[in-house]
N, C-alpha and C. Protein backbone atom coordinates (compact mmCIF):
# COMPACT_ATOMS: atom_id res chain seq x y z
N UNK A 1 42.58 69.61 -11.51
CA UNK A 1 41.88 68.72 -10.63
C UNK A 1 41.21 67.63 -11.46
N UNK A 2 41.38 66.40 -11.07
CA UNK A 2 40.80 65.30 -11.85
C UNK A 2 39.65 64.65 -11.07
N UNK A 3 38.76 64.04 -11.82
CA UNK A 3 37.60 63.38 -11.22
C UNK A 3 37.71 61.89 -11.50
N UNK A 4 37.47 61.10 -10.49
CA UNK A 4 37.52 59.66 -10.65
C UNK A 4 36.10 59.11 -10.56
N UNK A 5 35.73 58.27 -11.49
CA UNK A 5 34.40 57.68 -11.52
C UNK A 5 34.51 56.17 -11.31
N UNK A 6 33.70 55.65 -10.41
CA UNK A 6 33.68 54.21 -10.15
C UNK A 6 32.35 53.66 -10.63
N UNK A 7 32.41 52.62 -11.44
CA UNK A 7 31.20 51.98 -11.95
C UNK A 7 31.08 50.60 -11.33
N UNK A 8 30.00 50.37 -10.64
CA UNK A 8 29.74 49.06 -10.05
C UNK A 8 28.74 48.33 -10.94
N UNK A 9 29.12 47.16 -11.41
CA UNK A 9 28.24 46.41 -12.29
C UNK A 9 27.92 45.07 -11.66
N UNK A 10 26.70 44.59 -11.91
CA UNK A 10 26.36 43.25 -11.40
C UNK A 10 27.09 42.18 -12.20
N UNK A 11 26.98 40.97 -11.75
CA UNK A 11 27.60 39.85 -12.46
C UNK A 11 27.03 39.75 -13.87
N UNK A 12 27.78 39.15 -14.78
CA UNK A 12 27.39 39.07 -16.19
C UNK A 12 26.04 38.36 -16.35
N UNK A 13 25.82 37.28 -15.60
CA UNK A 13 24.56 36.55 -15.75
C UNK A 13 23.37 37.39 -15.31
N UNK A 14 23.56 38.28 -14.33
CA UNK A 14 22.48 39.17 -13.88
C UNK A 14 22.18 40.19 -14.97
N UNK A 15 23.23 40.72 -15.62
CA UNK A 15 23.01 41.66 -16.73
C UNK A 15 22.25 40.99 -17.87
N UNK A 16 22.62 39.71 -18.17
CA UNK A 16 21.94 38.98 -19.25
C UNK A 16 20.46 38.77 -18.93
N UNK A 17 20.15 38.42 -17.67
CA UNK A 17 18.75 38.24 -17.27
C UNK A 17 17.99 39.55 -17.42
N UNK A 18 18.60 40.65 -17.00
CA UNK A 18 17.95 41.96 -17.10
C UNK A 18 17.68 42.34 -18.55
N UNK A 19 18.65 42.07 -19.44
CA UNK A 19 18.46 42.39 -20.86
C UNK A 19 17.34 41.54 -21.45
N UNK A 20 17.31 40.25 -21.07
CA UNK A 20 16.26 39.36 -21.57
C UNK A 20 14.89 39.81 -21.09
N UNK A 21 14.78 40.17 -19.81
CA UNK A 21 13.50 40.64 -19.28
C UNK A 21 13.06 41.93 -19.96
N UNK A 22 14.01 42.81 -20.25
CA UNK A 22 13.67 44.06 -20.92
C UNK A 22 13.11 43.79 -22.32
N UNK A 23 13.70 42.82 -23.03
CA UNK A 23 13.20 42.48 -24.36
C UNK A 23 11.79 41.91 -24.28
N UNK A 24 11.56 41.04 -23.28
CA UNK A 24 10.23 40.46 -23.13
C UNK A 24 9.19 41.52 -22.79
N UNK A 25 9.56 42.46 -21.92
CA UNK A 25 8.62 43.52 -21.54
C UNK A 25 8.26 44.38 -22.74
N UNK A 26 9.27 44.72 -23.54
CA UNK A 26 9.01 45.53 -24.73
C UNK A 26 8.14 44.75 -25.70
N UNK A 27 8.39 43.44 -25.84
CA UNK A 27 7.60 42.60 -26.73
C UNK A 27 6.15 42.52 -26.28
N UNK A 28 5.94 42.44 -24.95
CA UNK A 28 4.57 42.33 -24.45
C UNK A 28 3.82 43.64 -24.60
N UNK A 29 4.48 44.74 -24.41
CA UNK A 29 3.77 46.02 -24.52
C UNK A 29 3.45 46.35 -25.97
N UNK A 30 4.13 45.69 -26.92
CA UNK A 30 3.86 45.94 -28.32
C UNK A 30 2.68 45.15 -28.85
N UNK A 31 2.12 44.24 -28.04
CA UNK A 31 1.00 43.43 -28.50
C UNK A 31 -0.29 44.21 -28.27
N UNK A 32 -1.02 44.46 -29.34
CA UNK A 32 -2.26 45.22 -29.17
C UNK A 32 -3.36 44.39 -28.53
N UNK A 33 -4.23 45.04 -27.80
CA UNK A 33 -5.39 44.38 -27.23
C UNK A 33 -6.52 44.55 -28.23
N UNK A 34 -6.98 43.44 -28.77
CA UNK A 34 -8.02 43.48 -29.79
C UNK A 34 -9.20 42.69 -29.25
N UNK A 35 -10.19 43.42 -28.73
CA UNK A 35 -11.33 42.72 -28.13
C UNK A 35 -12.29 42.19 -29.19
N UNK A 36 -12.36 42.82 -30.31
CA UNK A 36 -13.31 42.41 -31.35
C UNK A 36 -12.67 41.54 -32.41
N UNK A 37 -11.45 41.10 -32.20
CA UNK A 37 -10.76 40.26 -33.17
C UNK A 37 -9.99 41.11 -34.17
N UNK A 38 -9.29 40.46 -35.04
CA UNK A 38 -8.43 41.14 -36.03
C UNK A 38 -9.25 42.01 -36.97
N UNK A 39 -10.49 41.62 -37.23
CA UNK A 39 -11.34 42.38 -38.15
C UNK A 39 -11.77 43.73 -37.59
N UNK A 40 -11.66 43.93 -36.28
CA UNK A 40 -12.11 45.19 -35.69
C UNK A 40 -11.02 46.27 -35.72
N UNK A 41 -9.82 45.91 -36.15
CA UNK A 41 -8.75 46.91 -36.23
C UNK A 41 -9.04 47.89 -37.36
N UNK A 42 -8.85 49.17 -37.08
CA UNK A 42 -8.97 50.19 -38.12
C UNK A 42 -7.72 51.03 -38.10
N UNK A 43 -7.42 51.59 -39.24
CA UNK A 43 -6.23 52.42 -39.36
C UNK A 43 -6.48 53.73 -38.63
N UNK A 44 -5.56 54.05 -37.72
CA UNK A 44 -5.67 55.28 -36.94
C UNK A 44 -5.30 56.47 -37.80
N UNK A 45 -5.83 57.63 -37.44
CA UNK A 45 -5.52 58.86 -38.19
C UNK A 45 -4.03 59.14 -38.08
N UNK A 46 -3.39 59.35 -39.22
CA UNK A 46 -1.96 59.67 -39.25
C UNK A 46 -1.07 58.44 -39.22
N UNK A 47 -1.65 57.25 -39.16
CA UNK A 47 -0.85 56.02 -39.12
C UNK A 47 -0.44 55.63 -40.53
N UNK A 48 0.79 55.20 -40.67
CA UNK A 48 1.26 54.78 -41.99
C UNK A 48 0.72 53.40 -42.30
N UNK A 49 0.76 53.04 -43.58
CA UNK A 49 0.30 51.72 -44.00
C UNK A 49 1.18 50.65 -43.37
N UNK A 50 2.46 50.91 -43.27
CA UNK A 50 3.39 49.94 -42.68
C UNK A 50 3.08 49.76 -41.18
N UNK A 51 2.76 50.85 -40.49
CA UNK A 51 2.43 50.78 -39.07
C UNK A 51 1.15 50.00 -38.83
N UNK A 52 0.15 50.23 -39.71
CA UNK A 52 -1.11 49.52 -39.58
C UNK A 52 -0.92 48.03 -39.84
N UNK A 53 -0.10 47.69 -40.87
CA UNK A 53 0.18 46.29 -41.17
C UNK A 53 0.92 45.64 -40.00
N UNK A 54 1.82 46.37 -39.35
CA UNK A 54 2.55 45.82 -38.21
C UNK A 54 1.59 45.52 -37.05
N UNK A 55 0.62 46.40 -36.83
CA UNK A 55 -0.38 46.14 -35.77
C UNK A 55 -1.23 44.92 -36.11
N UNK A 56 -1.61 44.79 -37.38
CA UNK A 56 -2.40 43.62 -37.79
C UNK A 56 -1.60 42.33 -37.61
N UNK A 57 -0.31 42.37 -37.99
CA UNK A 57 0.53 41.19 -37.84
C UNK A 57 0.69 40.82 -36.36
N UNK A 58 0.85 41.83 -35.52
CA UNK A 58 0.98 41.57 -34.08
C UNK A 58 -0.31 40.98 -33.52
N UNK A 59 -1.46 41.47 -33.99
CA UNK A 59 -2.74 40.95 -33.52
C UNK A 59 -2.92 39.50 -33.98
N UNK A 60 -2.52 39.20 -35.23
CA UNK A 60 -2.61 37.82 -35.72
C UNK A 60 -1.71 36.90 -34.89
N UNK A 61 -0.49 37.35 -34.62
CA UNK A 61 0.45 36.56 -33.82
C UNK A 61 -0.11 36.32 -32.42
N UNK A 62 -0.75 37.34 -31.87
CA UNK A 62 -1.33 37.21 -30.54
C UNK A 62 -2.46 36.18 -30.55
N UNK A 63 -3.32 36.23 -31.58
CA UNK A 63 -4.42 35.27 -31.66
C UNK A 63 -3.90 33.85 -31.82
N UNK A 64 -2.82 33.67 -32.59
CA UNK A 64 -2.23 32.34 -32.76
C UNK A 64 -1.70 31.84 -31.43
N UNK A 65 -0.97 32.72 -30.67
CA UNK A 65 -0.45 32.34 -29.36
C UNK A 65 -1.60 31.98 -28.41
N UNK A 66 -2.65 32.75 -28.48
CA UNK A 66 -3.80 32.52 -27.61
C UNK A 66 -4.44 31.16 -27.91
N UNK A 67 -4.57 30.82 -29.20
CA UNK A 67 -5.15 29.53 -29.58
C UNK A 67 -4.23 28.38 -29.18
N UNK A 68 -2.92 28.57 -29.32
CA UNK A 68 -1.97 27.51 -28.97
C UNK A 68 -1.95 27.24 -27.47
N UNK A 69 -2.19 28.27 -26.67
CA UNK A 69 -2.14 28.12 -25.21
C UNK A 69 -3.50 27.78 -24.60
N UNK A 70 -4.55 27.76 -25.40
CA UNK A 70 -5.89 27.52 -24.87
C UNK A 70 -6.00 26.18 -24.16
N UNK A 71 -5.29 25.19 -24.63
CA UNK A 71 -5.34 23.87 -24.01
C UNK A 71 -4.68 23.83 -22.64
N UNK A 72 -3.85 24.82 -22.33
CA UNK A 72 -3.15 24.85 -21.04
C UNK A 72 -3.92 25.58 -19.96
N UNK A 73 -5.03 26.20 -20.33
CA UNK A 73 -5.80 26.97 -19.35
C UNK A 73 -6.38 26.02 -18.30
N UNK A 74 -6.35 26.45 -17.02
CA UNK A 74 -6.90 25.57 -15.97
C UNK A 74 -8.41 25.42 -16.13
N UNK A 75 -8.88 24.23 -15.81
CA UNK A 75 -10.31 23.96 -15.94
C UNK A 75 -10.82 23.37 -14.63
N UNK A 76 -12.09 23.57 -14.35
CA UNK A 76 -12.73 23.01 -13.16
C UNK A 76 -13.49 21.76 -13.61
N UNK A 77 -13.31 20.70 -12.85
CA UNK A 77 -13.99 19.44 -13.19
C UNK A 77 -15.50 19.62 -13.05
N UNK A 78 -16.23 18.93 -13.89
CA UNK A 78 -17.69 18.99 -13.84
C UNK A 78 -18.18 18.25 -12.60
N UNK A 79 -19.38 18.61 -12.13
CA UNK A 79 -19.97 17.93 -10.97
C UNK A 79 -20.39 16.51 -11.36
N UNK A 80 -20.18 15.59 -10.41
CA UNK A 80 -20.70 14.25 -10.66
C UNK A 80 -22.16 14.21 -10.20
N UNK A 81 -22.80 13.06 -10.35
CA UNK A 81 -24.23 12.94 -10.05
C UNK A 81 -24.53 13.22 -8.58
N UNK A 82 -23.68 12.72 -7.67
CA UNK A 82 -23.92 12.93 -6.24
C UNK A 82 -23.78 14.41 -5.85
N UNK A 83 -22.82 15.08 -6.44
CA UNK A 83 -22.66 16.51 -6.15
C UNK A 83 -23.85 17.31 -6.65
N UNK A 84 -24.34 16.96 -7.82
CA UNK A 84 -25.53 17.63 -8.35
C UNK A 84 -26.74 17.42 -7.47
N UNK A 85 -26.90 16.17 -6.98
CA UNK A 85 -28.02 15.87 -6.08
C UNK A 85 -27.90 16.67 -4.78
N UNK A 86 -26.70 16.72 -4.23
CA UNK A 86 -26.49 17.46 -2.98
C UNK A 86 -26.81 18.93 -3.17
N UNK A 87 -26.43 19.49 -4.30
CA UNK A 87 -26.73 20.90 -4.56
C UNK A 87 -28.23 21.13 -4.66
N UNK A 88 -28.94 20.22 -5.32
CA UNK A 88 -30.39 20.36 -5.44
C UNK A 88 -31.07 20.27 -4.08
N UNK A 89 -30.64 19.33 -3.26
CA UNK A 89 -31.24 19.16 -1.94
C UNK A 89 -30.94 20.36 -1.05
N UNK A 90 -29.73 20.88 -1.16
CA UNK A 90 -29.38 22.05 -0.35
C UNK A 90 -30.22 23.25 -0.76
N UNK A 91 -30.45 23.40 -2.06
CA UNK A 91 -31.29 24.50 -2.52
C UNK A 91 -32.72 24.35 -2.09
N UNK A 92 -33.22 23.10 -2.07
CA UNK A 92 -34.59 22.86 -1.66
C UNK A 92 -34.78 23.07 -0.16
N UNK A 93 -33.72 22.80 0.62
CA UNK A 93 -33.83 22.95 2.07
C UNK A 93 -33.97 24.42 2.46
N UNK A 94 -33.40 25.30 1.66
CA UNK A 94 -33.49 26.73 1.95
C UNK A 94 -32.77 27.07 3.24
N UNK A 95 -33.43 27.81 4.11
CA UNK A 95 -32.79 28.24 5.35
C UNK A 95 -33.25 27.43 6.56
N UNK A 96 -33.85 26.27 6.31
CA UNK A 96 -34.27 25.42 7.44
C UNK A 96 -33.69 24.04 7.26
N UNK A 97 -33.52 23.36 8.37
CA UNK A 97 -33.01 22.00 8.35
C UNK A 97 -33.85 21.21 9.35
N UNK A 98 -34.67 20.34 8.86
CA UNK A 98 -35.53 19.56 9.75
C UNK A 98 -36.51 20.44 10.51
N UNK A 99 -36.97 21.53 9.89
CA UNK A 99 -37.93 22.41 10.54
C UNK A 99 -37.30 23.41 11.49
N UNK A 100 -35.97 23.35 11.67
CA UNK A 100 -35.28 24.28 12.58
C UNK A 100 -34.62 25.36 11.73
N UNK A 101 -34.82 26.60 12.10
CA UNK A 101 -34.24 27.72 11.37
C UNK A 101 -32.73 27.70 11.52
N UNK A 102 -31.99 27.96 10.42
CA UNK A 102 -30.53 27.98 10.46
C UNK A 102 -29.99 29.37 10.76
N UNK A 103 -30.86 30.34 10.98
CA UNK A 103 -30.44 31.70 11.31
C UNK A 103 -30.02 31.79 12.77
N UNK A 104 -29.93 32.99 13.29
CA UNK A 104 -29.58 33.20 14.69
C UNK A 104 -30.65 32.57 15.58
N UNK A 105 -30.25 31.92 16.66
CA UNK A 105 -31.24 31.28 17.53
C UNK A 105 -32.11 32.32 18.23
N UNK A 106 -33.36 31.96 18.45
CA UNK A 106 -34.27 32.84 19.17
C UNK A 106 -34.14 32.58 20.67
N UNK A 107 -34.70 33.47 21.48
CA UNK A 107 -34.64 33.31 22.94
C UNK A 107 -35.33 32.01 23.36
N UNK A 108 -36.43 31.67 22.69
CA UNK A 108 -37.15 30.43 23.04
C UNK A 108 -36.29 29.21 22.75
N UNK A 109 -35.52 29.23 21.64
CA UNK A 109 -34.68 28.10 21.30
C UNK A 109 -33.52 27.94 22.28
N UNK A 110 -32.98 29.02 22.77
CA UNK A 110 -31.84 28.93 23.69
C UNK A 110 -32.28 28.63 25.11
N UNK A 111 -33.53 28.89 25.44
CA UNK A 111 -34.02 28.71 26.81
C UNK A 111 -33.85 27.27 27.29
N UNK A 112 -34.04 26.30 26.40
CA UNK A 112 -33.94 24.90 26.81
C UNK A 112 -32.51 24.51 27.18
N UNK A 113 -31.52 25.29 26.76
CA UNK A 113 -30.12 25.00 27.07
C UNK A 113 -29.64 25.73 28.33
N UNK A 114 -30.45 26.64 28.86
CA UNK A 114 -30.05 27.45 30.01
C UNK A 114 -30.40 26.74 31.32
N UNK A 115 -29.47 26.81 32.24
CA UNK A 115 -29.72 26.29 33.57
C UNK A 115 -30.49 27.35 34.35
N UNK A 116 -31.53 26.97 35.09
CA UNK A 116 -32.26 27.96 35.89
C UNK A 116 -31.34 28.65 36.91
N UNK A 117 -30.39 27.92 37.44
CA UNK A 117 -29.45 28.52 38.39
C UNK A 117 -28.63 29.62 37.71
N UNK A 118 -28.12 29.32 36.50
CA UNK A 118 -27.33 30.32 35.78
C UNK A 118 -28.16 31.56 35.49
N UNK A 119 -29.40 31.36 35.10
CA UNK A 119 -30.26 32.50 34.80
C UNK A 119 -30.45 33.38 36.02
N UNK A 120 -30.68 32.76 37.18
CA UNK A 120 -30.88 33.54 38.40
C UNK A 120 -29.62 34.30 38.79
N UNK A 121 -28.47 33.64 38.67
CA UNK A 121 -27.20 34.30 39.00
C UNK A 121 -26.93 35.45 38.05
N UNK A 122 -27.17 35.22 36.76
CA UNK A 122 -26.94 36.28 35.77
C UNK A 122 -27.85 37.47 36.02
N UNK A 123 -29.12 37.22 36.28
CA UNK A 123 -30.06 38.32 36.51
C UNK A 123 -29.67 39.12 37.75
N UNK A 124 -29.27 38.42 38.82
CA UNK A 124 -28.85 39.12 40.04
C UNK A 124 -27.59 39.93 39.81
N UNK A 125 -26.63 39.36 39.09
CA UNK A 125 -25.37 40.06 38.82
C UNK A 125 -25.61 41.31 37.98
N UNK A 126 -26.43 41.18 36.94
CA UNK A 126 -26.70 42.33 36.07
C UNK A 126 -27.51 43.40 36.80
N UNK A 127 -28.42 42.99 37.68
CA UNK A 127 -29.18 43.97 38.47
C UNK A 127 -28.23 44.75 39.38
N UNK A 128 -27.28 44.05 40.00
CA UNK A 128 -26.28 44.71 40.85
C UNK A 128 -25.41 45.65 40.02
N UNK A 129 -25.07 45.21 38.84
CA UNK A 129 -24.26 46.04 37.94
C UNK A 129 -25.00 47.33 37.61
N UNK A 130 -26.29 47.22 37.28
CA UNK A 130 -27.08 48.40 36.94
C UNK A 130 -27.23 49.34 38.15
N UNK A 131 -27.38 48.77 39.36
CA UNK A 131 -27.49 49.59 40.57
C UNK A 131 -26.19 50.37 40.81
N UNK A 132 -25.04 49.70 40.64
CA UNK A 132 -23.75 50.38 40.81
C UNK A 132 -23.55 51.49 39.78
N UNK A 133 -24.02 51.25 38.56
CA UNK A 133 -23.91 52.26 37.51
C UNK A 133 -24.73 53.51 37.89
N UNK A 134 -25.94 53.29 38.42
CA UNK A 134 -26.79 54.42 38.82
C UNK A 134 -26.13 55.20 39.95
N UNK A 135 -25.49 54.51 40.89
CA UNK A 135 -24.80 55.19 42.00
C UNK A 135 -23.64 56.03 41.46
N UNK A 136 -22.86 55.47 40.52
CA UNK A 136 -21.74 56.21 39.93
C UNK A 136 -22.23 57.45 39.17
N UNK A 137 -23.31 57.30 38.42
CA UNK A 137 -23.85 58.44 37.67
C UNK A 137 -24.32 59.54 38.62
N UNK A 138 -24.94 59.15 39.72
CA UNK A 138 -25.39 60.15 40.70
C UNK A 138 -24.19 60.86 41.31
N UNK A 139 -23.13 60.11 41.58
CA UNK A 139 -21.91 60.72 42.12
C UNK A 139 -21.32 61.74 41.15
N UNK A 140 -21.33 61.43 39.86
CA UNK A 140 -20.83 62.37 38.85
C UNK A 140 -21.69 63.63 38.80
N UNK A 141 -22.99 63.45 38.89
CA UNK A 141 -23.89 64.62 38.89
C UNK A 141 -23.64 65.49 40.12
N UNK A 142 -23.46 64.84 41.28
CA UNK A 142 -23.19 65.59 42.52
C UNK A 142 -21.90 66.39 42.40
N UNK A 143 -20.86 65.78 41.79
CA UNK A 143 -19.60 66.49 41.60
C UNK A 143 -19.79 67.68 40.68
N UNK A 144 -20.58 67.49 39.63
CA UNK A 144 -20.81 68.58 38.69
C UNK A 144 -21.55 69.73 39.36
N UNK A 145 -22.54 69.44 40.19
CA UNK A 145 -23.29 70.48 40.90
C UNK A 145 -22.35 71.21 41.86
N UNK A 146 -21.52 70.45 42.59
CA UNK A 146 -20.62 71.06 43.57
C UNK A 146 -19.60 71.98 42.91
N UNK A 147 -19.18 71.65 41.70
CA UNK A 147 -18.19 72.49 41.02
C UNK A 147 -18.84 73.56 40.15
N UNK A 148 -20.15 73.59 40.09
CA UNK A 148 -20.86 74.59 39.29
C UNK A 148 -20.87 74.28 37.81
N UNK A 149 -20.63 73.02 37.46
CA UNK A 149 -20.57 72.65 36.04
C UNK A 149 -21.71 71.73 35.64
N UNK A 150 -22.80 71.71 36.42
CA UNK A 150 -23.92 70.82 36.12
C UNK A 150 -24.52 71.19 34.76
N UNK A 151 -24.68 70.20 33.90
CA UNK A 151 -25.26 70.44 32.58
C UNK A 151 -24.25 70.93 31.57
N UNK A 152 -22.97 71.01 31.94
CA UNK A 152 -21.93 71.50 31.04
C UNK A 152 -21.33 70.39 30.19
N UNK A 153 -20.43 70.78 29.33
CA UNK A 153 -19.77 69.83 28.43
C UNK A 153 -18.91 68.84 29.16
N UNK A 154 -18.22 69.29 30.21
CA UNK A 154 -17.35 68.38 30.97
C UNK A 154 -18.17 67.29 31.65
N UNK A 155 -19.32 67.69 32.18
CA UNK A 155 -20.17 66.69 32.82
C UNK A 155 -20.64 65.66 31.78
N UNK A 156 -21.00 66.14 30.61
CA UNK A 156 -21.45 65.23 29.55
C UNK A 156 -20.37 64.25 29.14
N UNK A 157 -19.12 64.75 29.04
CA UNK A 157 -18.01 63.86 28.68
C UNK A 157 -17.78 62.83 29.78
N UNK A 158 -17.80 63.29 31.04
CA UNK A 158 -17.60 62.38 32.16
C UNK A 158 -18.69 61.31 32.21
N UNK A 159 -19.93 61.71 31.97
CA UNK A 159 -21.05 60.76 31.98
C UNK A 159 -20.89 59.74 30.83
N UNK A 160 -20.50 60.23 29.67
CA UNK A 160 -20.34 59.35 28.51
C UNK A 160 -19.22 58.34 28.74
N UNK A 161 -18.09 58.80 29.29
CA UNK A 161 -16.98 57.89 29.57
C UNK A 161 -17.38 56.85 30.62
N UNK A 162 -18.10 57.29 31.64
CA UNK A 162 -18.56 56.38 32.68
C UNK A 162 -19.51 55.34 32.09
N UNK A 163 -20.44 55.78 31.24
CA UNK A 163 -21.40 54.86 30.63
C UNK A 163 -20.69 53.87 29.71
N UNK A 164 -19.71 54.36 28.96
CA UNK A 164 -18.96 53.49 28.04
C UNK A 164 -18.24 52.40 28.82
N UNK A 165 -17.54 52.79 29.86
CA UNK A 165 -16.81 51.83 30.68
C UNK A 165 -17.77 50.83 31.35
N UNK A 166 -18.85 51.35 31.90
CA UNK A 166 -19.82 50.51 32.58
C UNK A 166 -20.46 49.52 31.60
N UNK A 167 -20.84 50.00 30.43
CA UNK A 167 -21.47 49.12 29.43
C UNK A 167 -20.51 48.03 28.97
N UNK A 168 -19.23 48.39 28.81
CA UNK A 168 -18.24 47.41 28.38
C UNK A 168 -18.07 46.32 29.45
N UNK A 169 -17.97 46.73 30.72
CA UNK A 169 -17.82 45.76 31.80
C UNK A 169 -19.08 44.89 31.95
N UNK A 170 -20.24 45.49 31.73
CA UNK A 170 -21.50 44.75 31.84
C UNK A 170 -21.55 43.69 30.73
N UNK A 171 -21.15 44.07 29.52
CA UNK A 171 -21.17 43.13 28.39
C UNK A 171 -20.17 42.00 28.63
N UNK A 172 -19.00 42.32 29.16
CA UNK A 172 -18.01 41.28 29.46
C UNK A 172 -18.54 40.33 30.52
N UNK A 173 -19.17 40.87 31.53
CA UNK A 173 -19.74 40.04 32.60
C UNK A 173 -20.84 39.15 32.05
N UNK A 174 -21.67 39.71 31.19
CA UNK A 174 -22.77 38.95 30.60
C UNK A 174 -22.24 37.85 29.69
N UNK A 175 -21.17 38.13 28.99
CA UNK A 175 -20.59 37.12 28.09
C UNK A 175 -20.01 35.94 28.86
N UNK A 176 -19.44 36.24 30.04
CA UNK A 176 -18.88 35.17 30.87
C UNK A 176 -20.00 34.33 31.44
């Protein structure tokens, strides 16, 4: 019995790119990270003199590359005089602008924007909403008493679900 093997290979240019990337990856992983500079390198226990010299050479090469590329690093432009002035004025203003707080508005601040008609309609609508909620809660309690489950876990869950739904609808109504 014979076995046949099929080898699928990518195009030659794809293989060349892969080989080149592999060489670059190996080259990058061989560069030591030297935070204290070349002078901070010490010979590791069990390291040969040739291995230590290779690490020093790699660190020197890395520092040379780093110095050569330093000019290509992105830079942020300095502030001009007007930008500096604007920053100083913004810092001096703090959290107020013309004596008005920039935080969340207070009830007194929003009152001048409210129409008296809207306020009356909103108050009446919310009062009706609260009255309907009380009626629904009483109905749930009556059902619980009738079924002998008053004060039980099921009643608590039903009350919580009813309150959640009611509160959500009340908030939506208030937002409108």
